[in-house]
C-alpha atoms as a PDB file:
ATOM      1  CA  MET A   1       5.609 104.512 102.851  1.00  0.00           C
ATOM      2  CA  GLY A   2       8.726 102.635 103.987  1.00  0.00           C
ATOM      3  CA  SER A   3      10.994 100.244 102.127  1.00  0.00           C
ATOM      4  CA  ILE A   4       9.750  96.977 100.426  1.00  0.00           C
ATOM      5  CA  ILE A   5      11.151  94.101 102.629  1.00  0.00           C
ATOM      6  CA  ALA A   6      12.170  90.875 101.027  1.00  0.00           C
ATOM      7  CA  PRO A   7      13.483  88.172 103.588  1.00  0.00           C
ATOM      8  CA  SER A   8      16.015  85.808 101.780  1.00  0.00           C
ATOM      9  CA  ILE A   9      15.206  82.151 102.366  1.00  0.00           C
ATOM     10  CA  LEU A  10      18.871  81.423 102.040  1.00  0.00           C
ATOM     11  CA  ALA A  11      19.041  82.176 105.762  1.00  0.00           C
ATOM     12  CA  SER A  12      16.015  80.116 106.783  1.00  0.00           C
ATOM     13  CA  ASN A  13      15.991  76.652 108.283  1.00  0.00           C
ATOM     14  CA  PHE A  14      15.415  74.533 105.299  1.00  0.00           C
ATOM     15  CA  ALA A  15      14.326  71.584 107.455  1.00  0.00           C
ATOM     16  CA  CYS A  16      11.102  73.520 108.031  1.00  0.00           C
ATOM     17  CA  LEU A  17      11.000  75.707 105.040  1.00  0.00           C
ATOM     18  CA  GLY A  18       7.192  76.060 104.770  1.00  0.00           C
ATOM     19  CA  ASP A  19       6.909  77.182 108.483  1.00  0.00           C
ATOM     20  CA  GLU A  20       9.846  79.647 107.900  1.00  0.00           C
ATOM     21  CA  VAL A  21       8.178  81.317 104.875  1.00  0.00           C
ATOM     22  CA  ALA A  22       4.743  81.350 106.567  1.00  0.00           C
ATOM     23  CA  SER A  23       6.444  83.017 109.596  1.00  0.00           C
ATOM     24  CA  VAL A  24       7.979  85.886 107.718  1.00  0.00           C
ATOM     25  CA  THR A  25       4.838  86.337 105.730  1.00  0.00           C
ATOM     26  CA  ALA A  26       2.845  86.664 108.920  1.00  0.00           C
ATOM     27  CA  ALA A  27       5.558  88.966 110.412  1.00  0.00           C
ATOM     28  CA  GLY A  28       4.886  91.602 107.714  1.00  0.00           C
ATOM     29  CA  ALA A  29       7.276  90.780 104.737  1.00  0.00           C
ATOM     30  CA  ASP A  30       6.357  92.263 101.363  1.00  0.00           C
ATOM     31  CA  TRP A  31       8.267  89.732  99.038  1.00  0.00           C
ATOM     32  CA  ILE A  32      10.131  86.509  99.463  1.00  0.00           C
ATOM     33  CA  HIS A  33      13.617  86.524  98.020  1.00  0.00           C
ATOM     34  CA  CYS A  34      14.960  83.362  96.569  1.00  0.00           C
ATOM     35  CA  ASP A  35      18.785  83.190  95.963  1.00  0.00           C
ATOM     36  CA  VAL A  36      19.498  80.578  93.221  1.00  0.00           C
ATOM     37  CA  MET A  37      23.179  79.776  93.114  1.00  0.00           C
ATOM     38  CA  ASP A  38      24.948  77.302  90.657  1.00  0.00           C
ATOM     39  CA  GLY A  39      28.406  76.872  92.167  1.00  0.00           C
ATOM     40  CA  ASP A  40      29.899  78.290  88.936  1.00  0.00           C
ATOM     41  CA  PHE A  41      28.885  81.889  88.711  1.00  0.00           C
ATOM     42  CA  VAL A  42      29.319  82.167  92.522  1.00  0.00           C
ATOM     43  CA  PRO A  43      31.449  79.777  94.770  1.00  0.00           C
ATOM     44  CA  ASN A  44      28.422  78.259  96.387  1.00  0.00           C
ATOM     45  CA  ILE A  45      25.441  76.020  95.472  1.00  0.00           C
ATOM     46  CA  SER A  46      22.039  76.897  97.171  1.00  0.00           C
ATOM     47  CA  PHE A  47      18.983  75.524  95.569  1.00  0.00           C
ATOM     48  CA  GLY A  48      16.939  75.502  92.419  1.00  0.00           C
ATOM     49  CA  GLU A  49      13.487  75.263  90.984  1.00  0.00           C
ATOM     50  CA  PRO A  50      11.945  72.779  93.441  1.00  0.00           C
ATOM     51  CA  ILE A  51      12.834  75.039  96.594  1.00  0.00           C
ATOM     52  CA  VAL A  52      11.404  78.055  94.959  1.00  0.00           C
ATOM     53  CA  LYS A  53       8.247  76.116  94.153  1.00  0.00           C
ATOM     54  CA  ALA A  54       7.987  74.845  97.766  1.00  0.00           C
ATOM     55  CA  ALA A  55       8.378  78.280  99.217  1.00  0.00           C
ATOM     56  CA  GLY A  56       5.674  79.651  97.056  1.00  0.00           C
ATOM     57  CA  ARG A  57       3.234  77.001  98.391  1.00  0.00           C
ATOM     58  CA  HIS A  58       3.385  78.652 101.915  1.00  0.00           C
ATOM     59  CA  THR A  59       2.857  82.302 101.062  1.00  0.00           C
ATOM     60  CA  GLY A  60       0.758  84.617  98.947  1.00  0.00           C
ATOM     61  CA  LEU A  61       3.622  87.082  98.791  1.00  0.00           C
ATOM     62  CA  PRO A  62       5.408  87.761  95.469  1.00  0.00           C
ATOM     63  CA  LEU A  63       8.533  85.503  94.915  1.00  0.00           C
ATOM     64  CA  ASP A  64      11.545  87.517  93.998  1.00  0.00           C
ATOM     65  CA  VAL A  65      14.057  85.149  92.242  1.00  0.00           C
ATOM     66  CA  HIS A  66      17.665  86.207  92.043  1.00  0.00           C
ATOM     67  CA  LEU A  67      19.578  83.980  89.584  1.00  0.00           C
ATOM     68  CA  MET A  68      23.288  83.914  90.667  1.00  0.00           C
ATOM     69  CA  ILE A  69      23.957  81.521  87.849  1.00  0.00           C
ATOM     70  CA  GLN A  70      26.364  81.615  84.806  1.00  0.00           C
ATOM     71  CA  ARG A  71      23.635  80.891  82.153  1.00  0.00           C
ATOM     72  CA  PRO A  72      20.351  82.385  83.299  1.00  0.00           C
ATOM     73  CA  ASP A  73      19.134  82.371  79.724  1.00  0.00           C
ATOM     74  CA  ARG A  74      19.014  78.563  79.918  1.00  0.00           C
ATOM     75  CA  TYR A  75      16.965  78.419  83.078  1.00  0.00           C
ATOM     76  CA  ILE A  76      14.708  81.284  83.347  1.00  0.00           C
ATOM     77  CA  GLY A  77      11.826  79.524  81.726  1.00  0.00           C
ATOM     78  CA  GLN A  78      11.429  77.081  84.472  1.00  0.00           C
ATOM     79  CA  PHE A  79      11.298  79.813  87.163  1.00  0.00           C
ATOM     80  CA  MET A  80       8.861  81.920  85.398  1.00  0.00           C
ATOM     81  CA  ASP A  81       6.434  79.086  85.250  1.00  0.00           C
ATOM     82  CA  ILE A  82       6.423  78.722  89.076  1.00  0.00           C
ATOM     83  CA  PRO A  83       3.204  80.126  90.626  1.00  0.00           C
ATOM     84  CA  GLY A  84       3.910  83.227  92.699  1.00  0.00           C
ATOM     85  CA  VAL A  85       7.055  84.210  90.951  1.00  0.00           C
ATOM     86  CA  ALA A  86       6.693  88.030  90.194  1.00  0.00           C
ATOM     87  CA  SER A  87      10.264  88.944  89.381  1.00  0.00           C
ATOM     88  CA  VAL A  88      13.373  87.281  88.021  1.00  0.00           C
ATOM     89  CA  THR A  89      16.789  89.025  88.332  1.00  0.00           C
ATOM     90  CA  SER A  90      19.889  88.003  86.452  1.00  0.00           C
ATOM     91  CA  HIS A  91      23.459  89.260  86.605  1.00  0.00           C
ATOM     92  CA  LEU A  92      25.008  91.631  84.102  1.00  0.00           C
ATOM     93  CA  GLU A  93      28.318  89.678  84.507  1.00  0.00           C
ATOM     94  CA  ALA A  94      26.824  86.215  83.716  1.00  0.00           C
ATOM     95  CA  ASN A  95      27.483  84.528  80.461  1.00  0.00           C
ATOM     96  CA  HIS A  96      24.387  85.643  78.456  1.00  0.00           C
ATOM     97  CA  ASP A  97      22.974  88.524  76.389  1.00  0.00           C
ATOM     98  CA  ALA A  98      21.499  90.523  79.345  1.00  0.00           C
ATOM     99  CA  GLY A  99      19.239  92.531  77.267  1.00  0.00           C
ATOM    100  CA  ILE A 100      17.643  89.509  75.533  1.00  0.00           C
ATOM    101  CA  THR A 101      17.238  87.775  79.071  1.00  0.00           C
ATOM    102  CA  LEU A 102      15.574  91.000  80.417  1.00  0.00           C
ATOM    103  CA  ASP A 103      13.233  91.179  77.429  1.00  0.00           C
ATOM    104  CA  THR A 104      12.296  87.562  77.767  1.00  0.00           C
ATOM    105  CA  VAL A 105      11.341  87.968  81.523  1.00  0.00           C
ATOM    106  CA  ARG A 106       9.185  90.983  80.654  1.00  0.00           C
ATOM    107  CA  ALA A 107       7.474  89.170  77.720  1.00  0.00           C
ATOM    108  CA  ALA A 108       6.481  86.484  80.213  1.00  0.00           C
ATOM    109  CA  GLY A 109       4.724  89.187  82.272  1.00  0.00           C
ATOM    110  CA  LYS A 110       7.199  89.238  85.124  1.00  0.00           C
ATOM    111  CA  LYS A 111       9.432  92.088  86.527  1.00  0.00           C
ATOM    112  CA  ALA A 112      12.806  91.802  84.961  1.00  0.00           C
ATOM    113  CA  GLY A 113      15.729  92.439  87.222  1.00  0.00           C
ATOM    114  CA  LEU A 114      19.364  93.193  86.429  1.00  0.00           C
ATOM    115  CA  SER A 115      21.871  92.715  89.155  1.00  0.00           C
ATOM    116  CA  ILE A 116      25.559  93.949  89.398  1.00  0.00           C
ATOM    117  CA  LYS A 117      28.333  92.824  91.662  1.00  0.00           C
ATOM    118  CA  PRO A 118      30.214  95.219  93.894  1.00  0.00           C
ATOM    119  CA  GLY A 119      33.167  95.583  91.546  1.00  0.00           C
ATOM    120  CA  THR A 120      31.037  96.268  88.388  1.00  0.00           C
ATOM    121  CA  PRO A 121      30.655  99.998  87.557  1.00  0.00           C
ATOM    122  CA  LEU A 122      27.092 101.249  86.986  1.00  0.00           C
ATOM    123  CA  ASP A 123      28.221 102.575  83.668  1.00  0.00           C
ATOM    124  CA  GLN A 124      28.505  99.064  82.308  1.00  0.00           C
ATOM    125  CA  ALA A 125      24.793  98.664  82.691  1.00  0.00           C
ATOM    126  CA  ARG A 126      23.888 102.052  81.072  1.00  0.00           C
ATOM    127  CA  GLU A 127      22.776 100.767  77.713  1.00  0.00           C
ATOM    128  CA  LEU A 128      20.235  98.488  79.451  1.00  0.00           C
ATOM    129  CA  PHE A 129      18.377 101.248  81.338  1.00  0.00           C
ATOM    130  CA  GLY A 130      14.798 101.161  80.330  1.00  0.00           C
ATOM    131  CA  ARG A 131      14.809  97.475  79.749  1.00  0.00           C
ATOM    132  CA  PHE A 132      14.580  96.410  83.483  1.00  0.00           C
ATOM    133  CA  ASP A 133      12.129  96.850  86.272  1.00  0.00           C
ATOM    134  CA  ILE A 134      14.591  96.249  89.114  1.00  0.00           C
ATOM    135  CA  LEU A 135      18.237  97.166  89.599  1.00  0.00           C
ATOM    136  CA  LEU A 136      19.752  94.927  92.227  1.00  0.00           C
ATOM    137  CA  ILE A 137      22.889  96.376  93.616  1.00  0.00           C
ATOM    138  CA  MET A 138      24.826  93.803  95.527  1.00  0.00           C
ATOM    139  CA  THR A 139      26.206  95.288  98.752  1.00  0.00           C
ATOM    140  CA  VAL A 140      28.389  92.079  99.345  1.00  0.00           C
ATOM    141  CA  GLU A 141      30.267  89.755  97.052  1.00  0.00           C
ATOM    142  CA  PRO A 142      27.520  87.323  96.006  1.00  0.00           C
ATOM    143  CA  GLY A 143      27.715  83.754  97.089  1.00  0.00           C
ATOM    144  CA  PHE A 144      27.287  83.455 100.781  1.00  0.00           C
ATOM    145  CA  GLY A 145      24.965  84.974 103.365  1.00  0.00           C
ATOM    146  CA  GLY A 146      25.939  86.647 106.551  1.00  0.00           C
ATOM    147  CA  GLN A 147      28.667  88.889 105.032  1.00  0.00           C
ATOM    148  CA  PRO A 148      29.304  92.449 106.307  1.00  0.00           C
ATOM    149  CA  PHE A 149      27.744  95.366 104.282  1.00  0.00           C
ATOM    150  CA  MET A 150      30.119  97.123 101.894  1.00  0.00           C
ATOM    151  CA  THR A 151      29.552 100.870 102.757  1.00  0.00           C
ATOM    152  CA  GLU A 152      31.263 101.910  99.578  1.00  0.00           C
ATOM    153  CA  MET A 153      28.182 100.694  97.591  1.00  0.00           C
ATOM    154  CA  LEU A 154      26.139 103.649  98.966  1.00  0.00           C
ATOM    155  CA  GLY A 155      27.760 105.825  96.287  1.00  0.00           C
ATOM    156  CA  LYS A 156      26.536 103.401  93.613  1.00  0.00           C
ATOM    157  CA  ILE A 157      22.990 103.411  94.985  1.00  0.00           C
ATOM    158  CA  ARG A 158      23.109 107.203  94.902  1.00  0.00           C
ATOM    159  CA  GLU A 159      24.332 107.150  91.336  1.00  0.00           C
ATOM    160  CA  ALA A 160      21.525 104.873  90.351  1.00  0.00           C
ATOM    161  CA  ASP A 161      18.967 107.026  91.962  1.00  0.00           C
ATOM    162  CA  ARG A 162      20.319 110.086  90.117  1.00  0.00           C
ATOM    163  CA  LEU A 163      20.351 108.243  86.902  1.00  0.00           C
ATOM    164  CA  ARG A 164      16.747 107.011  87.457  1.00  0.00           C
ATOM    165  CA  LYS A 165      15.549 110.618  87.931  1.00  0.00           C
ATOM    166  CA  ASP A 166      17.569 112.082  85.142  1.00  0.00           C
ATOM    167  CA  LEU A 167      16.223 109.562  82.670  1.00  0.00           C
ATOM    168  CA  GLY A 168      12.740 109.586  84.017  1.00  0.00           C
ATOM    169  CA  LEU A 169      12.530 105.876  84.698  1.00  0.00           C
ATOM    170  CA  GLY A 170      10.594 104.128  87.336  1.00  0.00           C
ATOM    171  CA  PHE A 171      12.649 101.024  88.076  1.00  0.00           C
ATOM    172  CA  LEU A 172      13.093  99.842  91.791  1.00  0.00           C
ATOM    173  CA  ILE A 173      16.599  99.877  93.384  1.00  0.00           C
ATOM    174  CA  GLU A 174      17.026  96.745  95.419  1.00  0.00           C
ATOM    175  CA  VAL A 175      19.989  96.035  97.806  1.00  0.00           C
ATOM    176  CA  ASP A 176      21.178  92.665  98.901  1.00  0.00           C
ATOM    177  CA  GLY A 177      24.021  91.846 101.455  1.00  0.00           C
ATOM    178  CA  GLY A 178      24.596  92.742 105.000  1.00  0.00           C
ATOM    179  CA  ILE A 179      21.227  94.385 105.365  1.00  0.00           C
ATOM    180  CA  ASP A 180      20.036  95.180 108.914  1.00  0.00           C
ATOM    181  CA  ALA A 181      18.055  98.048 110.456  1.00  0.00           C
ATOM    182  CA  THR A 182      21.132 100.266 110.442  1.00  0.00           C
ATOM    183  CA  THR A 183      22.395  99.563 106.856  1.00  0.00           C
ATOM    184  CA  ALA A 184      18.844  99.565 105.532  1.00  0.00           C
ATOM    185  CA  ALA A 185      18.449 103.117 106.844  1.00  0.00           C
ATOM    186  CA  LEU A 186      21.671 104.054 104.990  1.00  0.00           C
ATOM    187  CA  CYS A 187      20.410 102.512 101.780  1.00  0.00           C
ATOM    188  CA  ARG A 188      17.017 104.072 101.981  1.00  0.00           C
ATOM    189  CA  GLU A 189      18.593 107.418 102.317  1.00  0.00           C
ATOM    190  CA  ALA A 190      20.819 106.695  99.340  1.00  0.00           C
ATOM    191  CA  GLY A 191      17.671 105.995  97.225  1.00  0.00           C
ATOM    192  CA  ALA A 192      17.039 102.164  97.609  1.00  0.00           C
ATOM    193  CA  ASP A 193      13.499 100.917  97.540  1.00  0.00           C
ATOM    194  CA  VAL A 194      13.847  97.142  98.243  1.00  0.00           C
ATOM    195  CA  MET A 195      15.764  95.609 101.094  1.00  0.00           C
ATOM    196  CA  VAL A 196      16.748  92.017 100.838  1.00  0.00           C
ATOM    197  CA  ALA A 197      17.618  90.694 104.403  1.00  0.00           C
ATOM    198  CA  GLY A 198      18.374  87.189 105.307  1.00  0.00           C
ATOM    199  CA  THR A 199      20.258  86.764 108.621  1.00  0.00           C
ATOM    200  CA  SER A 200      18.810  89.820 110.252  1.00  0.00           C
ATOM    201  CA  VAL A 201      15.347  88.570 109.698  1.00  0.00           C
ATOM    202  CA  PHE A 202      15.530  84.777 110.141  1.00  0.00           C
ATOM    203  CA  LYS A 203      17.784  85.040 113.106  1.00  0.00           C
ATOM    204  CA  ALA A 204      15.759  87.725 114.878  1.00  0.00           C
ATOM    205  CA  ALA A 205      14.014  86.794 118.140  1.00  0.00           C
ATOM    206  CA  ASP A 206      11.099  88.920 116.987  1.00  0.00           C
ATOM    207  CA  ARG A 207      10.896  88.894 113.127  1.00  0.00           C
ATOM    208  CA  ALA A 208       7.941  91.261 112.950  1.00  0.00           C
ATOM    209  CA  ALA A 209       9.877  93.923 114.994  1.00  0.00           C
ATOM    210  CA  GLU A 210      12.930  93.366 112.785  1.00  0.00           C
ATOM    211  CA  ILE A 211      10.892  93.809 109.585  1.00  0.00           C
ATOM    212  CA  ARG A 212       9.388  97.012 111.020  1.00  0.00           C
ATOM    213  CA  ALA A 213      12.895  98.173 111.817  1.00  0.00           C
ATOM    214  CA  LEU A 214      14.126  97.435 108.372  1.00  0.00           C
ATOM    215  CA  ARG A 215      11.154  99.152 106.785  1.00  0.00           C
ATOM    216  CA  GLY A 216      11.962 102.574 108.434  1.00  0.00           C
END
């Protein structure tokens, strides 16, 4: 089986969000990725709970919520109550107790994700291994879509895959940033399971063909 493909609605046309979500669902996406940004943790403001809720009304796919916010512990509850939300990911570098946040998400019956920025060594997350279901490795600096893929992150993906095997854990490795058919193949080879792709899917002339190419 190929990769799990999670188109990021950050790259969609928000004037017709419902149609955009329905389009990538019909084109063969596996998850819908929702990038929530607060203008504090990252230098951009994207959207919050109402947009995630609206996206969920136009797909039966799992909603994969990525909280790029400074205080995820204050806001996770409202996202976990949204129908269709299957996973909530927060950042190790945010201002919260990451372990407690992960435990709270799991206690609500959702997949708990931990994300790390490009400059954060994987070692800083070691004590949390076993407490998350998804490890989201950012392959660009978080905050804006359309950035080029950072090839030096492939080493971090390989390291995460080695640790997963050594520790006998079953978490998914997700990558986000600059993902297209070429970089998805590199990430898959390095051990990644989930490809978040915004621009490459939503700007594609044939979204179904792009998703097939991303899946490998």
